[in-house]
Amino acid sequence: MKVIKLDAIDSTNDFLKALASQDELDNFTVVTAENQTKGKGQMGSKWQSESGKNLIMSALVKDFLYNNEQVFNLSIVVSLAVIETLKSFDIPNLCIKWPNDIMSYNKKIGGILIENTLKSDGRIVSVVGLGLNVNQTNFTELPHASSLAVITGNTFDKDILPALIIEKIQEKIGLWETNSTDFWKQYFNTLFKKGIPMPFKNGAGQNFMGIIQGVSSIGKIQILLEDDSVSEFDIKEVQMLY
């Protein structure tokens, strides 16, 4: 595993995408940074992180996705890999808030942003960005956020995490063909607030009650509505209120 360590960068995802477009990088090349000035989350949101306290990494993943119908498979692989890695450090009450926020109890400790590029030969090359709150303890402006240090009362060596996470990703990719059904089940069983009546907000800003029933093959969340119908929503179309 090749690791490129940076002190500060606007976005590790953007850096790695630019690097991958110019050079034939090894699969699972990783870029890490101590500080990221323009970190990105889902739907263009910003990822805020104290310099030097947290894990900021992006990884190149090739030769796994071959069409647009498969792209959510990588979200499942990565989110389960992160969950398993954190379990090995005894982080409690871990779950995945759809599509791929990492939660402990009801606090967000990590976020995953996957950006896919379709090459001229039909291959899909993915850059997997991960922000994980490790040793940061001040979240006064982020009431739904926490960190490994806050949750456990311990400090962690964040520099050992990339290799452990990449090892889990590689393991799951290697097993995908024979274990994909089990991985989908694991993902669903790990979902935050599944099967519980919860308030949501749709893309038009309207609040409604619903119960998470599952996730479609292309990654849309399936919500049971009050009229007993099940509707599917994309990431831009619904927000959980919790």
Protein backbone atom coordinates (compact mmCIF):
# COMPACT_ATOMS: atom_id res chain seq x y z
CA MET A 1 0.00 0.00 0.00
CA LYS A 2 1.50 3.30 -1.12
CA VAL A 3 0.84 6.20 1.26
CA ILE A 4 1.29 9.87 0.36
CA LYS A 5 1.41 11.99 3.51
CA LEU A 6 0.62 15.68 3.27
CA ASP A 7 0.73 18.41 5.90
CA ALA A 8 -2.09 20.52 4.50
CA ILE A 9 -4.23 20.31 1.37
CA ASP A 10 -7.51 21.74 0.18
CA SER A 11 -9.05 18.27 -0.35
CA THR A 12 -7.40 14.84 -0.30
CA ASN A 13 -10.10 13.58 -2.68
CA ASP A 14 -9.33 16.34 -5.21
CA PHE A 15 -5.58 15.78 -4.83
CA LEU A 16 -5.88 12.04 -5.42
CA LYS A 17 -8.29 12.47 -8.35
CA ALA A 18 -5.84 14.86 -10.04
CA LEU A 19 -2.94 12.49 -9.39
CA ALA A 20 -4.86 9.50 -10.72
CA SER A 21 -5.75 11.34 -13.93
CA GLN A 22 -2.10 12.01 -14.73
CA ASP A 23 -0.41 8.82 -13.60
CA GLU A 24 -1.08 5.08 -13.47
CA LEU A 25 -1.27 4.88 -9.69
CA ASP A 26 -1.26 1.59 -7.81
CA ASN A 27 -4.61 0.34 -6.65
CA PHE A 28 -5.33 1.32 -3.01
CA THR A 29 -2.89 4.25 -3.07
CA VAL A 30 -3.71 6.38 -0.01
CA VAL A 31 -3.36 10.11 0.59
CA THR A 32 -3.52 11.44 4.15
CA ALA A 33 -3.38 15.00 5.46
CA GLU A 34 -2.97 16.63 8.86
CA ASN A 35 -5.18 19.51 7.81
CA GLN A 36 -7.77 19.88 5.06
CA THR A 37 -9.02 23.34 4.17
CA LYS A 38 -11.88 22.38 1.85
CA GLY A 39 -13.02 18.99 3.10
CA LYS A 40 -16.20 17.77 1.44
CA GLY A 41 -19.15 15.81 2.72
CA GLN A 42 -22.31 14.53 1.07
CA MET A 43 -24.29 16.99 -1.06
CA GLY A 44 -21.53 19.60 -1.02
CA SER A 45 -21.44 20.03 2.76
CA LYS A 46 -18.15 20.86 4.45
CA TRP A 47 -16.21 18.44 6.63
CA GLN A 48 -14.65 20.37 9.53
CA SER A 49 -11.66 18.99 11.41
CA GLU A 50 -9.08 20.27 13.90
CA SER A 51 -5.60 20.15 12.43
CA GLY A 52 -3.60 17.08 13.44
CA LYS A 53 -6.34 15.56 15.56
CA ASN A 54 -8.27 13.38 13.13
CA LEU A 55 -7.91 10.92 10.28
CA ILE A 56 -8.25 12.54 6.88
CA MET A 57 -7.62 10.08 4.06
CA SER A 58 -8.51 9.24 0.49
CA ALA A 59 -7.90 5.91 -1.22
CA LEU A 60 -7.88 4.90 -4.87
CA VAL A 61 -10.01 1.85 -5.68
CA LYS A 62 -9.89 0.28 -9.15
CA ASP A 63 -11.04 -2.98 -10.72
CA PHE A 64 -14.11 -3.41 -8.52
CA LEU A 65 -16.96 -1.45 -10.12
CA TYR A 66 -17.81 -2.06 -13.76
CA ASN A 67 -21.12 -0.22 -14.27
CA ASN A 68 -23.17 2.51 -12.63
CA GLU A 69 -25.63 0.00 -11.19
CA GLN A 70 -22.86 -1.30 -8.91
CA VAL A 71 -21.55 1.91 -7.39
CA PHE A 72 -23.34 1.49 -4.04
CA ASN A 73 -21.52 -1.81 -3.52
CA LEU A 74 -18.36 0.18 -2.74
CA SER A 75 -20.22 2.22 -0.11
CA ILE A 76 -21.17 -1.03 1.58
CA VAL A 77 -17.61 -2.38 1.43
CA VAL A 78 -16.04 0.80 2.82
CA SER A 79 -18.57 1.49 5.57
CA LEU A 80 -18.42 -2.10 6.83
CA ALA A 81 -14.60 -2.00 6.69
CA VAL A 82 -14.54 1.13 8.85
CA ILE A 83 -17.08 -0.34 11.31
CA GLU A 84 -15.04 -3.56 11.68
CA THR A 85 -11.82 -1.61 12.20
CA LEU A 86 -13.39 0.52 14.93
CA LYS A 87 -14.87 -2.55 16.62
CA SER A 88 -11.32 -3.86 17.00
CA PHE A 89 -10.66 -0.77 19.18
CA ASP A 90 -13.78 -1.46 21.26
CA ILE A 91 -15.68 1.60 20.04
CA PRO A 92 -19.24 1.01 21.33
CA ASN A 93 -22.66 1.15 19.65
CA LEU A 94 -21.41 1.52 16.09
CA CYS A 95 -23.83 1.92 13.21
CA ILE A 96 -24.13 3.40 9.74
CA LYS A 97 -26.41 6.35 9.08
CA TRP A 98 -27.53 5.95 5.50
CA PRO A 99 -25.79 6.13 3.16
CA ASN A 100 -22.39 5.96 4.88
CA ASP A 101 -21.96 8.18 7.95
CA ILE A 102 -20.28 6.35 10.81
CA MET A 103 -22.10 6.71 14.12
CA SER A 104 -21.44 5.76 17.73
CA TYR A 105 -24.61 5.95 19.80
CA ASN A 106 -26.41 8.87 18.11
CA LYS A 107 -23.26 10.88 17.36
CA LYS A 108 -21.48 11.13 14.02
CA ILE A 109 -17.81 10.17 14.27
CA GLY A 110 -17.02 9.72 10.59
CA GLY A 111 -18.13 10.40 7.07
CA ILE A 112 -17.39 8.74 3.74
CA LEU A 113 -17.50 10.45 0.35
CA ILE A 114 -16.96 8.28 -2.73
CA GLU A 115 -16.36 9.95 -6.09
CA ASN A 116 -16.42 7.80 -9.22
CA THR A 117 -14.86 8.54 -12.60
CA LEU A 118 -15.87 6.67 -15.75
CA LYS A 119 -12.83 6.09 -17.95
CA SER A 120 -12.92 6.04 -21.76
CA ASP A 121 -12.44 2.26 -21.75
CA GLY A 122 -15.51 1.78 -19.54
CA ARG A 123 -13.68 1.23 -16.25
CA ILE A 124 -14.87 2.99 -13.12
CA VAL A 125 -12.11 4.43 -10.93
CA SER A 126 -13.17 5.46 -7.42
CA VAL A 127 -11.66 7.84 -4.90
CA VAL A 128 -12.85 6.99 -1.39
CA GLY A 129 -12.63 9.87 1.05
CA LEU A 130 -12.88 9.21 4.78
CA GLY A 131 -12.95 11.70 7.61
CA LEU A 132 -12.85 10.13 11.06
CA ASN A 133 -12.93 12.10 14.30
CA VAL A 134 -10.18 10.55 16.40
CA ASN A 135 -8.64 12.82 19.04
CA GLN A 136 -10.64 16.03 18.62
CA THR A 137 -12.65 16.85 21.74
CA ASN A 138 -14.23 20.24 20.96
CA PHE A 139 -17.50 19.98 19.07
CA THR A 140 -19.32 23.05 20.42
CA GLU A 141 -20.50 24.06 16.93
CA LEU A 142 -21.29 20.48 15.87
CA PRO A 143 -23.90 19.13 18.32
CA HIS A 144 -24.35 15.83 16.46
CA ALA A 145 -20.60 15.08 16.26
CA SER A 146 -18.23 13.21 18.55
CA SER A 147 -14.92 11.37 18.37
CA LEU A 148 -13.20 8.19 19.46
CA ALA A 149 -11.47 10.14 22.24
CA VAL A 150 -14.69 11.68 23.60
CA ILE A 151 -16.58 8.38 23.48
CA THR A 152 -13.90 6.24 25.12
CA GLY A 153 -11.88 8.72 27.18
CA ASN A 154 -8.70 7.50 25.45
CA THR A 155 -6.37 8.97 22.84
CA PHE A 156 -5.52 7.00 19.70
CA ASP A 157 -2.67 6.67 17.23
CA LYS A 158 -4.51 7.80 14.10
CA ASP A 159 -1.55 6.93 11.86
CA ILE A 160 -2.15 3.18 12.19
CA LEU A 161 -5.76 3.42 11.00
CA PRO A 162 -5.32 3.79 7.21
CA ALA A 163 -3.50 0.45 6.80
CA LEU A 164 -6.06 -1.34 8.97
CA ILE A 165 -9.01 0.12 7.06
CA ILE A 166 -7.45 -0.59 3.63
CA GLU A 167 -6.76 -4.18 4.71
CA LYS A 168 -10.47 -4.61 5.52
CA ILE A 169 -11.53 -3.01 2.23
CA GLN A 170 -9.24 -5.31 0.26
CA GLU A 171 -10.52 -8.31 2.18
CA LYS A 172 -14.16 -7.49 1.44
CA ILE A 173 -13.51 -6.74 -2.22
CA GLY A 174 -11.78 -10.12 -2.50
CA LEU A 175 -14.80 -11.84 -0.98
CA TRP A 176 -17.48 -9.80 -2.75
CA GLU A 177 -18.41 -12.27 -5.49
CA THR A 178 -19.20 -15.05 -3.02
CA ASN A 179 -20.32 -12.96 -0.02
CA SER A 180 -22.18 -9.97 -1.49
CA THR A 181 -25.56 -11.08 -0.12
CA ASP A 182 -24.11 -11.39 3.38
CA PHE A 183 -22.44 -7.97 3.10
CA TRP A 184 -25.75 -6.37 2.09
CA LYS A 185 -27.41 -8.00 5.11
CA GLN A 186 -24.63 -6.80 7.40
CA TYR A 187 -25.01 -3.28 6.03
CA PHE A 188 -28.77 -3.27 6.60
CA ASN A 189 -28.44 -4.78 10.08
CA THR A 190 -25.98 -2.00 10.98
CA LEU A 191 -28.20 0.85 9.77
CA PHE A 192 -28.90 3.67 12.22
CA LYS A 193 -32.57 3.83 13.36
CA LYS A 194 -33.77 1.06 11.02
CA GLY A 195 -37.27 -0.20 11.84
CA ILE A 196 -37.99 2.72 14.18
CA PRO A 197 -40.56 5.48 13.45
CA MET A 198 -38.52 8.60 12.70
CA PRO A 199 -39.17 12.12 11.40
CA PHE A 200 -37.74 12.97 7.97
CA LYS A 201 -37.66 16.02 5.71
CA ASN A 202 -38.09 15.68 1.96
CA GLY A 203 -36.45 17.70 -0.79
CA ALA A 204 -39.31 20.20 -0.74
CA GLY A 205 -38.72 20.92 2.95
CA GLN A 206 -41.79 19.02 4.15
CA ASN A 207 -41.56 16.93 7.31
CA PHE A 208 -43.02 13.44 7.46
CA MET A 209 -42.87 10.31 9.60
CA GLY A 210 -41.50 7.06 8.27
CA ILE A 211 -39.72 3.80 9.06
CA ILE A 212 -36.55 2.68 7.27
CA GLN A 213 -37.31 -0.64 5.58
CA GLY A 214 -34.18 -1.21 3.50
CA VAL A 215 -31.88 0.07 0.78
CA SER A 216 -32.35 -0.59 -2.94
CA SER A 217 -29.69 -2.20 -5.14
CA ILE A 218 -28.60 1.24 -6.35
CA GLY A 219 -28.44 2.70 -2.86
CA LYS A 220 -31.78 4.48 -2.44
CA ILE A 221 -33.27 4.35 1.03
CA GLN A 222 -36.67 2.65 1.29
CA ILE A 223 -39.04 4.26 3.79
CA LEU A 224 -42.43 2.99 4.92
CA LEU A 225 -44.81 5.95 4.99
CA GLU A 226 -47.88 6.56 7.14
CA ASP A 227 -50.20 5.43 4.32
CA ASP A 228 -48.41 2.02 4.36
CA SER A 229 -46.71 2.67 1.00
CA VAL A 230 -42.94 2.35 0.62
CA SER A 231 -41.09 5.13 -1.18
CA GLU A 232 -37.45 5.25 -2.31
CA PHE A 233 -35.34 8.37 -1.84
CA ASP A 234 -31.93 9.40 -3.13
CA ILE A 235 -29.41 11.21 -0.92
CA LYS A 236 -30.57 14.65 -2.13
CA GLU A 237 -34.23 13.85 -1.61
CA VAL A 238 -34.51 13.11 2.10
CA GLN A 239 -32.96 14.04 5.44
CA MET A 240 -33.39 12.19 8.73
CA LEU A 241 -34.28 14.43 11.67
CA TYR A 242 -32.86 13.02 14.90
